[in-house]
């Protein structure tokens, strides 16, 4: 029960970011250049962003982590202290860890960021990426900040190639599929243009039925009127089976008639890293074109 409540809270935070339409994919209020060598030995990093924590592990630099949020997933057997909720860091715990660098999200209160900086910490604030390109650029930047830039570029190059292959396959003589992607249930949240999940829809050979909308909060009647041919439910604390039953009540909708109602794992979709983006895209391609 506690885990389900935590997932619902994280879902709400992610949906809020989507609705806000974040204006920049990363922001640093520092003007000086980063002179981090391409070696992570001895670096002490606190990550206050689940996707950043995941990125650090994807580039094989998990040993630099000395602090994380309660929502950061780490490999079994690793022991990294929790020093923050999704939005509220514990200043005292972070300071006690004496980190070389703190990587935060735009959801962290500015006054907390300022307090950390006043205590002498090098704090970098990263915002939610708005596209696949942003995800890749951010990943490389994180690699620079944690001393793993070469490995980060290798990961990005590999993912770019595989994503390009999928895009090419889906672009050859395929009529775009009208897709609706659901992030939350009560209220109903949708993926809208201007957010990286919209690239998932486009790259898999689809068109977003929410194109033209500026808010992710929609009614079911609006979705049905746009008649999606496929529907993806992201399992961010959403009762997936209940949602699938609710959608199947709209028998006139093309996605229902064709049986193309699918689910996607929240841990892949909601943490924007290159590998997660690729794996989500592969799942969507399999579901749509198997």
C-alpha atoms as a PDB file:
ATOM      1  CA  UNK A   1       0.000   0.000   0.000  1.00  0.00           C
ATOM      2  CA  UNK A   2       2.794   2.411   0.917  1.00  0.00           C
ATOM      3  CA  UNK A   3       4.582   1.695  -2.369  1.00  0.00           C
ATOM      4  CA  UNK A   4       1.370   2.367  -4.319  1.00  0.00           C
ATOM      5  CA  UNK A   5       0.892   5.689  -2.540  1.00  0.00           C
ATOM      6  CA  UNK A   6       4.490   6.669  -3.340  1.00  0.00           C
ATOM      7  CA  UNK A   7       3.944   5.785  -6.987  1.00  0.00           C
ATOM      8  CA  UNK A   8       0.792   7.913  -7.096  1.00  0.00           C
ATOM      9  CA  UNK A   9       2.688  10.849  -5.593  1.00  0.00           C
ATOM     10  CA  UNK A  10       5.498  10.480  -8.109  1.00  0.00           C
ATOM     11  CA  UNK A  11       2.900  10.236 -10.877  1.00  0.00           C
ATOM     12  CA  UNK A  12       1.384  13.524  -9.768  1.00  0.00           C
ATOM     13  CA  UNK A  13       4.774  15.236  -9.744  1.00  0.00           C
ATOM     14  CA  UNK A  14       5.623  13.985 -13.237  1.00  0.00           C
ATOM     15  CA  UNK A  15       2.214  14.944 -14.593  1.00  0.00           C
ATOM     16  CA  UNK A  16       2.601  18.401 -13.055  1.00  0.00           C
ATOM     17  CA  UNK A  17       5.891  18.872 -14.891  1.00  0.00           C
ATOM     18  CA  UNK A  18       4.219  17.787 -18.127  1.00  0.00           C
ATOM     19  CA  UNK A  19       1.366  20.220 -17.639  1.00  0.00           C
ATOM     20  CA  UNK A  20       3.694  23.087 -16.810  1.00  0.00           C
ATOM     21  CA  UNK A  21       5.517  22.711 -20.107  1.00  0.00           C
ATOM     22  CA  UNK A  22       8.956  23.380 -18.655  1.00  0.00           C
ATOM     23  CA  UNK A  23      10.637  26.244 -20.457  1.00  0.00           C
ATOM     24  CA  UNK A  24      14.199  24.937 -20.456  1.00  0.00           C
ATOM     25  CA  UNK A  25      15.649  21.467 -20.445  1.00  0.00           C
ATOM     26  CA  UNK A  26      18.523  22.321 -18.166  1.00  0.00           C
ATOM     27  CA  UNK A  27      19.475  25.387 -16.242  1.00  0.00           C
ATOM     28  CA  UNK A  28      22.624  26.223 -14.333  1.00  0.00           C
ATOM     29  CA  UNK A  29      22.760  29.496 -12.521  1.00  0.00           C
ATOM     30  CA  UNK A  30      26.535  29.361 -12.734  1.00  0.00           C
ATOM     31  CA  UNK A  31      28.490  30.920 -15.552  1.00  0.00           C
ATOM     32  CA  UNK A  32      31.858  29.242 -15.050  1.00  0.00           C
ATOM     33  CA  UNK A  33      32.845  26.215 -17.092  1.00  0.00           C
ATOM     34  CA  UNK A  34      33.014  22.757 -15.562  1.00  0.00           C
ATOM     35  CA  UNK A  35      36.520  21.357 -15.307  1.00  0.00           C
ATOM     36  CA  UNK A  36      35.731  17.794 -14.323  1.00  0.00           C
ATOM     37  CA  UNK A  37      38.274  15.288 -15.636  1.00  0.00           C
ATOM     38  CA  UNK A  38      37.003  12.215 -17.458  1.00  0.00           C
ATOM     39  CA  UNK A  39      37.518  10.072 -14.404  1.00  0.00           C
ATOM     40  CA  UNK A  40      35.101   9.689 -11.528  1.00  0.00           C
ATOM     41  CA  UNK A  41      37.663   8.556  -8.926  1.00  0.00           C
ATOM     42  CA  UNK A  42      37.063  10.356  -5.674  1.00  0.00           C
ATOM     43  CA  UNK A  43      34.073  12.407  -6.818  1.00  0.00           C
ATOM     44  CA  UNK A  44      31.161  12.663  -4.383  1.00  0.00           C
ATOM     45  CA  UNK A  45      27.811  13.357  -6.044  1.00  0.00           C
ATOM     46  CA  UNK A  46      24.382  13.911  -4.531  1.00  0.00           C
ATOM     47  CA  UNK A  47      21.536  13.365  -7.008  1.00  0.00           C
ATOM     48  CA  UNK A  48      18.158  14.914  -6.233  1.00  0.00           C
ATOM     49  CA  UNK A  49      16.617  13.720  -9.518  1.00  0.00           C
ATOM     50  CA  UNK A  50      15.565  10.074 -10.108  1.00  0.00           C
ATOM     51  CA  UNK A  51      16.366  10.222 -13.828  1.00  0.00           C
ATOM     52  CA  UNK A  52      19.810  11.683 -13.085  1.00  0.00           C
ATOM     53  CA  UNK A  53      20.516   8.878 -10.632  1.00  0.00           C
ATOM     54  CA  UNK A  54      19.462   6.369 -13.271  1.00  0.00           C
ATOM     55  CA  UNK A  55      21.625   8.127 -15.858  1.00  0.00           C
ATOM     56  CA  UNK A  56      24.677   7.880 -13.604  1.00  0.00           C
ATOM     57  CA  UNK A  57      24.179   4.137 -13.308  1.00  0.00           C
ATOM     58  CA  UNK A  58      23.589   3.819 -17.066  1.00  0.00           C
ATOM     59  CA  UNK A  59      27.030   5.290 -17.696  1.00  0.00           C
ATOM     60  CA  UNK A  60      28.585   2.978 -15.117  1.00  0.00           C
ATOM     61  CA  UNK A  61      29.445   5.659 -12.564  1.00  0.00           C
ATOM     62  CA  UNK A  62      27.277   4.577  -9.648  1.00  0.00           C
ATOM     63  CA  UNK A  63      30.250   4.642  -7.282  1.00  0.00           C
ATOM     64  CA  UNK A  64      30.210   8.475  -7.264  1.00  0.00           C
ATOM     65  CA  UNK A  65      26.765   8.643  -5.642  1.00  0.00           C
ATOM     66  CA  UNK A  66      26.728   9.477  -1.955  1.00  0.00           C
ATOM     67  CA  UNK A  67      23.129  10.755  -1.667  1.00  0.00           C
ATOM     68  CA  UNK A  68      19.773  10.381  -3.456  1.00  0.00           C
ATOM     69  CA  UNK A  69      16.021  10.965  -3.195  1.00  0.00           C
ATOM     70  CA  UNK A  70      13.546   8.438  -1.849  1.00  0.00           C
ATOM     71  CA  UNK A  71      12.332   7.875  -5.424  1.00  0.00           C
ATOM     72  CA  UNK A  72      15.743   7.116  -6.927  1.00  0.00           C
ATOM     73  CA  UNK A  73      16.027   3.473  -7.927  1.00  0.00           C
ATOM     74  CA  UNK A  74      19.432   1.904  -7.275  1.00  0.00           C
ATOM     75  CA  UNK A  75      20.748  -1.610  -7.901  1.00  0.00           C
ATOM     76  CA  UNK A  76      20.136  -4.194  -5.234  1.00  0.00           C
ATOM     77  CA  UNK A  77      23.070  -4.327  -2.887  1.00  0.00           C
ATOM     78  CA  UNK A  78      24.009  -0.669  -3.301  1.00  0.00           C
ATOM     79  CA  UNK A  79      23.634   1.526  -0.244  1.00  0.00           C
ATOM     80  CA  UNK A  80      23.184   5.212  -1.041  1.00  0.00           C
ATOM     81  CA  UNK A  81      21.669   7.358   1.732  1.00  0.00           C
ATOM     82  CA  UNK A  82      18.312   9.041   1.133  1.00  0.00           C
ATOM     83  CA  UNK A  83      18.651  12.793   1.620  1.00  0.00           C
ATOM     84  CA  UNK A  84      15.526  14.160  -0.062  1.00  0.00           C
ATOM     85  CA  UNK A  85      11.919  13.611  -1.022  1.00  0.00           C
ATOM     86  CA  UNK A  86      10.922  14.354  -4.610  1.00  0.00           C
ATOM     87  CA  UNK A  87      10.886  18.089  -3.924  1.00  0.00           C
ATOM     88  CA  UNK A  88      12.307  18.766  -0.453  1.00  0.00           C
ATOM     89  CA  UNK A  89      15.986  18.129   0.316  1.00  0.00           C
ATOM     90  CA  UNK A  90      17.346  17.623   3.806  1.00  0.00           C
ATOM     91  CA  UNK A  91      19.985  20.360   3.895  1.00  0.00           C
ATOM     92  CA  UNK A  92      21.713  19.024   7.010  1.00  0.00           C
ATOM     93  CA  UNK A  93      22.065  15.495   5.654  1.00  0.00           C
ATOM     94  CA  UNK A  94      23.412  16.751   2.334  1.00  0.00           C
ATOM     95  CA  UNK A  95      25.929  19.070   3.995  1.00  0.00           C
ATOM     96  CA  UNK A  96      27.151  16.230   6.226  1.00  0.00           C
ATOM     97  CA  UNK A  97      28.014  14.186   3.126  1.00  0.00           C
ATOM     98  CA  UNK A  98      30.401  16.915   1.886  1.00  0.00           C
ATOM     99  CA  UNK A  99      29.563  16.359  -1.803  1.00  0.00           C
ATOM    100  CA  UNK A 100      31.672  17.775  -4.625  1.00  0.00           C
ATOM    101  CA  UNK A 101      28.517  18.443  -6.617  1.00  0.00           C
ATOM    102  CA  UNK A 102      24.748  18.395  -6.132  1.00  0.00           C
ATOM    103  CA  UNK A 103      22.517  17.703  -9.132  1.00  0.00           C
ATOM    104  CA  UNK A 104      18.994  18.982  -8.517  1.00  0.00           C
ATOM    105  CA  UNK A 105      15.701  19.316 -10.380  1.00  0.00           C
ATOM    106  CA  UNK A 106      13.676  22.414 -11.133  1.00  0.00           C
ATOM    107  CA  UNK A 107      11.157  21.177  -8.568  1.00  0.00           C
ATOM    108  CA  UNK A 108      13.565  21.815  -5.704  1.00  0.00           C
ATOM    109  CA  UNK A 109      12.641  25.119  -4.001  1.00  0.00           C
ATOM    110  CA  UNK A 110      15.000  27.923  -5.136  1.00  0.00           C
ATOM    111  CA  UNK A 111      15.610  28.909  -1.519  1.00  0.00           C
ATOM    112  CA  UNK A 112      16.943  25.417  -0.796  1.00  0.00           C
ATOM    113  CA  UNK A 113      19.223  25.593  -3.820  1.00  0.00           C
ATOM    114  CA  UNK A 114      20.502  28.951  -2.624  1.00  0.00           C
ATOM    115  CA  UNK A 115      21.071  27.624   0.898  1.00  0.00           C
ATOM    116  CA  UNK A 116      23.130  24.728  -0.450  1.00  0.00           C
ATOM    117  CA  UNK A 117      25.206  27.148  -2.513  1.00  0.00           C
ATOM    118  CA  UNK A 118      25.747  29.421   0.472  1.00  0.00           C
ATOM    119  CA  UNK A 119      27.112  26.403   2.302  1.00  0.00           C
ATOM    120  CA  UNK A 120      29.724  26.138  -0.433  1.00  0.00           C
ATOM    121  CA  UNK A 121      28.206  23.367  -2.511  1.00  0.00           C
ATOM    122  CA  UNK A 122      28.389  23.275  -6.307  1.00  0.00           C
ATOM    123  CA  UNK A 123      24.710  22.923  -7.237  1.00  0.00           C
ATOM    124  CA  UNK A 124      23.458  22.323 -10.774  1.00  0.00           C
ATOM    125  CA  UNK A 125      19.740  22.532 -11.532  1.00  0.00           C
ATOM    126  CA  UNK A 126      18.476  20.363 -14.387  1.00  0.00           C
ATOM    127  CA  UNK A 127      14.993  20.714 -15.800  1.00  0.00           C
ATOM    128  CA  UNK A 128      12.840  18.108 -17.470  1.00  0.00           C
ATOM    129  CA  UNK A 129      13.890  17.500 -21.105  1.00  0.00           C
ATOM    130  CA  UNK A 130      11.359  18.377 -23.766  1.00  0.00           C
ATOM    131  CA  UNK A 131      12.606  16.101 -26.543  1.00  0.00           C
ATOM    132  CA  UNK A 132      14.760  13.065 -27.302  1.00  0.00           C
ATOM    133  CA  UNK A 133      17.503  15.443 -28.387  1.00  0.00           C
ATOM    134  CA  UNK A 134      17.319  17.173 -24.997  1.00  0.00           C
ATOM    135  CA  UNK A 135      17.572  13.810 -23.237  1.00  0.00           C
ATOM    136  CA  UNK A 136      20.761  12.987 -25.124  1.00  0.00           C
ATOM    137  CA  UNK A 137      22.326  16.393 -24.509  1.00  0.00           C
ATOM    138  CA  UNK A 138      21.451  16.256 -20.833  1.00  0.00           C
ATOM    139  CA  UNK A 139      22.919  12.772 -20.491  1.00  0.00           C
ATOM    140  CA  UNK A 140      26.234  13.933 -21.960  1.00  0.00           C
ATOM    141  CA  UNK A 141      26.205  16.944 -19.655  1.00  0.00           C
ATOM    142  CA  UNK A 142      25.603  14.723 -16.637  1.00  0.00           C
ATOM    143  CA  UNK A 143      28.537  12.605 -17.791  1.00  0.00           C
ATOM    144  CA  UNK A 144      30.728  15.704 -17.777  1.00  0.00           C
ATOM    145  CA  UNK A 145      29.538  16.656 -14.302  1.00  0.00           C
ATOM    146  CA  UNK A 146      30.292  13.222 -12.814  1.00  0.00           C
ATOM    147  CA  UNK A 147      33.551  12.527 -14.634  1.00  0.00           C
ATOM    148  CA  UNK A 148      32.211   9.988 -17.147  1.00  0.00           C
ATOM    149  CA  UNK A 149      31.878  12.003 -20.330  1.00  0.00           C
ATOM    150  CA  UNK A 150      33.436   9.404 -22.641  1.00  0.00           C
ATOM    151  CA  UNK A 151      31.126   6.638 -21.493  1.00  0.00           C
ATOM    152  CA  UNK A 152      28.128   8.982 -21.658  1.00  0.00           C
ATOM    153  CA  UNK A 153      28.904   9.788 -25.304  1.00  0.00           C
ATOM    154  CA  UNK A 154      29.273   6.089 -26.099  1.00  0.00           C
ATOM    155  CA  UNK A 155      25.830   5.373 -24.649  1.00  0.00           C
ATOM    156  CA  UNK A 156      24.251   8.272 -26.521  1.00  0.00           C
ATOM    157  CA  UNK A 157      25.857   7.281 -29.834  1.00  0.00           C
ATOM    158  CA  UNK A 158      24.589   3.705 -29.485  1.00  0.00           C
ATOM    159  CA  UNK A 159      21.067   4.804 -28.543  1.00  0.00           C
ATOM    160  CA  UNK A 160      20.888   7.386 -31.337  1.00  0.00           C
ATOM    161  CA  UNK A 161      21.739   4.702 -33.893  1.00  0.00           C
ATOM    162  CA  UNK A 162      19.068   2.304 -32.632  1.00  0.00           C
ATOM    163  CA  UNK A 163      16.418   5.034 -32.395  1.00  0.00           C
ATOM    164  CA  UNK A 164      17.264   6.122 -35.945  1.00  0.00           C
ATOM    165  CA  UNK A 165      16.769   2.550 -37.180  1.00  0.00           C
ATOM    166  CA  UNK A 166      13.316   2.378 -35.597  1.00  0.00           C
ATOM    167  CA  UNK A 167      12.327   5.736 -37.077  1.00  0.00           C
ATOM    168  CA  UNK A 168      13.453   4.591 -40.512  1.00  0.00           C
ATOM    169  CA  UNK A 169      11.471   1.359 -40.303  1.00  0.00           C
ATOM    170  CA  UNK A 170       8.312   3.130 -39.247  1.00  0.00           C
ATOM    171  CA  UNK A 171       8.655   5.881 -41.865  1.00  0.00           C
ATOM    172  CA  UNK A 172       8.707   3.472 -44.824  1.00  0.00           C
ATOM    173  CA  UNK A 173       5.246   3.324 -46.351  1.00  0.00           C
ATOM    174  CA  UNK A 174       3.439   3.376 -43.022  1.00  0.00           C
ATOM    175  CA  UNK A 175       0.297   5.411 -42.435  1.00  0.00           C
ATOM    176  CA  UNK A 176       0.670   7.280 -39.113  1.00  0.00           C
ATOM    177  CA  UNK A 177      -1.301   5.742 -36.246  1.00  0.00           C
ATOM    178  CA  UNK A 178      -3.401   8.071 -34.100  1.00  0.00           C
ATOM    179  CA  UNK A 179      -2.087   7.533 -30.566  1.00  0.00           C
ATOM    180  CA  UNK A 180      -3.241   8.621 -27.124  1.00  0.00           C
ATOM    181  CA  UNK A 181      -0.773   8.270 -24.222  1.00  0.00           C
ATOM    182  CA  UNK A 182      -2.220   8.415 -20.712  1.00  0.00           C
ATOM    183  CA  UNK A 183      -0.167   9.505 -17.676  1.00  0.00           C
ATOM    184  CA  UNK A 184      -2.774   9.587 -14.900  1.00  0.00           C
ATOM    185  CA  UNK A 185      -6.344   8.543 -14.206  1.00  0.00           C
ATOM    186  CA  UNK A 186      -8.065  10.850 -11.710  1.00  0.00           C
ATOM    187  CA  UNK A 187      -7.800  13.407 -13.156  1.00  0.00           C
ATOM    188  CA  UNK A 188      -6.922  12.136 -16.605  1.00  0.00           C
ATOM    189  CA  UNK A 189      -3.531  13.391 -17.847  1.00  0.00           C
ATOM    190  CA  UNK A 190      -2.326  13.087 -21.412  1.00  0.00           C
ATOM    191  CA  UNK A 191       0.974  13.524 -23.210  1.00  0.00           C
ATOM    192  CA  UNK A 192       0.808  16.763 -25.177  1.00  0.00           C
ATOM    193  CA  UNK A 193       3.216  18.239 -27.760  1.00  0.00           C
ATOM    194  CA  UNK A 194       6.309  19.939 -26.408  1.00  0.00           C
ATOM    195  CA  UNK A 195       7.265  17.115 -24.064  1.00  0.00           C
ATOM    196  CA  UNK A 196       9.743  14.282 -24.704  1.00  0.00           C
ATOM    197  CA  UNK A 197       7.029  11.610 -24.591  1.00  0.00           C
ATOM    198  CA  UNK A 198       5.533  13.186 -27.700  1.00  0.00           C
ATOM    199  CA  UNK A 199       8.710  12.123 -29.530  1.00  0.00           C
ATOM    200  CA  UNK A 200       7.991   8.514 -28.566  1.00  0.00           C
ATOM    201  CA  UNK A 201       4.678   8.791 -30.380  1.00  0.00           C
ATOM    202  CA  UNK A 202       6.208  10.396 -33.465  1.00  0.00           C
ATOM    203  CA  UNK A 203       9.221   8.074 -33.697  1.00  0.00           C
ATOM    204  CA  UNK A 204       7.116   4.916 -33.519  1.00  0.00           C
ATOM    205  CA  UNK A 205       5.121   6.034 -36.531  1.00  0.00           C
ATOM    206  CA  UNK A 206       2.282   7.754 -34.762  1.00  0.00           C
ATOM    207  CA  UNK A 207       0.553  11.088 -34.488  1.00  0.00           C
ATOM    208  CA  UNK A 208      -0.541  12.459 -31.116  1.00  0.00           C
ATOM    209  CA  UNK A 209      -4.336  12.808 -30.910  1.00  0.00           C
ATOM    210  CA  UNK A 210      -3.706  15.591 -28.372  1.00  0.00           C
ATOM    211  CA  UNK A 211      -1.915  17.690 -30.953  1.00  0.00           C
ATOM    212  CA  UNK A 212      -3.003  21.304 -30.571  1.00  0.00           C
ATOM    213  CA  UNK A 213      -3.702  20.994 -26.852  1.00  0.00           C
ATOM    214  CA  UNK A 214      -1.620  23.044 -24.424  1.00  0.00           C
ATOM    215  CA  UNK A 215      -2.815  21.377 -21.219  1.00  0.00           C
ATOM    216  CA  UNK A 216      -2.381  17.723 -20.381  1.00  0.00           C
ATOM    217  CA  UNK A 217      -5.618  17.583 -18.399  1.00  0.00           C
ATOM    218  CA  UNK A 218      -8.313  16.183 -20.687  1.00  0.00           C
ATOM    219  CA  UNK A 219     -11.740  14.582 -20.441  1.00  0.00           C
ATOM    220  CA  UNK A 220     -12.480  11.101 -21.712  1.00  0.00           C
ATOM    221  CA  UNK A 221     -15.073  12.532 -24.050  1.00  0.00           C
ATOM    222  CA  UNK A 222     -12.362  14.656 -25.691  1.00  0.00           C
ATOM    223  CA  UNK A 223     -10.176  11.601 -26.187  1.00  0.00           C
ATOM    224  CA  UNK A 224     -13.018   9.541 -27.619  1.00  0.00           C
ATOM    225  CA  UNK A 225     -13.992  12.358 -30.001  1.00  0.00           C
ATOM    226  CA  UNK A 226     -10.442  12.315 -31.398  1.00  0.00           C
ATOM    227  CA  UNK A 227     -10.789   8.558 -31.974  1.00  0.00           C
ATOM    228  CA  UNK A 228      -7.289   7.206 -31.234  1.00  0.00           C
ATOM    229  CA  UNK A 229      -6.319   4.032 -33.069  1.00  0.00           C
ATOM    230  CA  UNK A 230      -3.987   2.990 -30.241  1.00  0.00           C
ATOM    231  CA  UNK A 231      -3.896   3.850 -26.565  1.00  0.00           C
ATOM    232  CA  UNK A 232      -0.938   3.542 -24.178  1.00  0.00           C
ATOM    233  CA  UNK A 233      -1.479   3.686 -20.411  1.00  0.00           C
ATOM    234  CA  UNK A 234       1.614   4.543 -18.388  1.00  0.00           C
ATOM    235  CA  UNK A 235       1.461   2.661 -15.097  1.00  0.00           C
ATOM    236  CA  UNK A 236       2.387   5.564 -12.794  1.00  0.00           C
ATOM    237  CA  UNK A 237       0.292   4.506  -9.821  1.00  0.00           C
ATOM    238  CA  UNK A 238      -2.628   4.039 -12.218  1.00  0.00           C
ATOM    239  CA  UNK A 239      -4.906   1.005 -11.652  1.00  0.00           C
ATOM    240  CA  UNK A 240      -4.124  -0.317 -15.112  1.00  0.00           C
ATOM    241  CA  UNK A 241      -6.724  -3.084 -15.293  1.00  0.00           C
ATOM    242  CA  UNK A 242      -9.450  -0.698 -14.137  1.00  0.00           C
ATOM    243  CA  UNK A 243      -8.395   1.840 -16.736  1.00  0.00           C
ATOM    244  CA  UNK A 244      -8.417  -0.719 -19.515  1.00  0.00           C
ATOM    245  CA  UNK A 245     -11.956  -1.723 -18.534  1.00  0.00           C
ATOM    246  CA  UNK A 246     -13.064   1.924 -18.492  1.00  0.00           C
ATOM    247  CA  UNK A 247     -11.719   2.538 -21.977  1.00  0.00           C
ATOM    248  CA  UNK A 248     -13.325  -0.614 -23.336  1.00  0.00           C
ATOM    249  CA  UNK A 249     -16.705   0.876 -22.452  1.00  0.00           C
ATOM    250  CA  UNK A 250     -16.200   3.204 -25.436  1.00  0.00           C
ATOM    251  CA  UNK A 251     -16.798   0.551 -28.066  1.00  0.00           C
ATOM    252  CA  UNK A 252     -16.966   3.113 -30.869  1.00  0.00           C
ATOM    253  CA  UNK A 253     -13.321   4.107 -30.385  1.00  0.00           C
ATOM    254  CA  UNK A 254     -10.951   2.625 -32.966  1.00  0.00           C
ATOM    255  CA  UNK A 255      -8.393   1.558 -30.324  1.00  0.00           C
ATOM    256  CA  UNK A 256     -11.083  -0.490 -28.584  1.00  0.00           C
ATOM    257  CA  UNK A 257     -12.406  -2.068 -31.781  1.00  0.00           C
ATOM    258  CA  UNK A 258      -8.900  -3.130 -32.830  1.00  0.00           C
ATOM    259  CA  UNK A 259      -7.806  -4.225 -29.337  1.00  0.00           C
ATOM    260  CA  UNK A 260      -4.866  -1.828 -29.357  1.00  0.00           C
ATOM    261  CA  UNK A 261      -4.855  -0.755 -25.715  1.00  0.00           C
ATOM    262  CA  UNK A 262      -1.439  -1.248 -24.170  1.00  0.00           C
ATOM    263  CA  UNK A 263       0.459  -0.474 -20.972  1.00  0.00           C
ATOM    264  CA  UNK A 264       3.934   0.966 -20.471  1.00  0.00           C
ATOM    265  CA  UNK A 265       6.084   0.684 -17.317  1.00  0.00           C
ATOM    266  CA  UNK A 266       6.360   3.951 -15.414  1.00  0.00           C
ATOM    267  CA  UNK A 267       9.969   3.295 -14.445  1.00  0.00           C
ATOM    268  CA  UNK A 268      10.930   3.425 -18.127  1.00  0.00           C
ATOM    269  CA  UNK A 269       8.680   6.231 -19.357  1.00  0.00           C
ATOM    270  CA  UNK A 270       8.928   8.619 -16.430  1.00  0.00           C
ATOM    271  CA  UNK A 271      12.730   8.682 -16.105  1.00  0.00           C
ATOM    272  CA  UNK A 272      14.052  10.397 -19.248  1.00  0.00           C
ATOM    273  CA  UNK A 273      17.381   8.762 -20.016  1.00  0.00           C
ATOM    274  CA  UNK A 274      18.593   7.657 -23.477  1.00  0.00           C
ATOM    275  CA  UNK A 275      18.353   3.949 -22.620  1.00  0.00           C
ATOM    276  CA  UNK A 276      14.882   4.303 -21.070  1.00  0.00           C
ATOM    277  CA  UNK A 277      13.686   6.243 -24.130  1.00  0.00           C
ATOM    278  CA  UNK A 278      14.996   3.536 -26.457  1.00  0.00           C
ATOM    279  CA  UNK A 279      13.530   0.679 -24.429  1.00  0.00           C
ATOM    280  CA  UNK A 280      10.136   2.405 -24.257  1.00  0.00           C
ATOM    281  CA  UNK A 281      10.229   3.013 -28.006  1.00  0.00           C
ATOM    282  CA  UNK A 282      11.040  -0.670 -28.585  1.00  0.00           C
ATOM    283  CA  UNK A 283       8.081  -1.710 -26.412  1.00  0.00           C
ATOM    284  CA  UNK A 284       5.755   0.598 -28.307  1.00  0.00           C
ATOM    285  CA  UNK A 285       6.994  -0.643 -31.692  1.00  0.00           C
ATOM    286  CA  UNK A 286       6.458  -4.232 -30.620  1.00  0.00           C
ATOM    287  CA  UNK A 287       2.937  -3.527 -29.384  1.00  0.00           C
ATOM    288  CA  UNK A 288       1.887  -1.596 -32.486  1.00  0.00           C
ATOM    289  CA  UNK A 289       3.581  -3.621 -35.201  1.00  0.00           C
ATOM    290  CA  UNK A 290       4.016  -7.146 -33.826  1.00  0.00           C
END
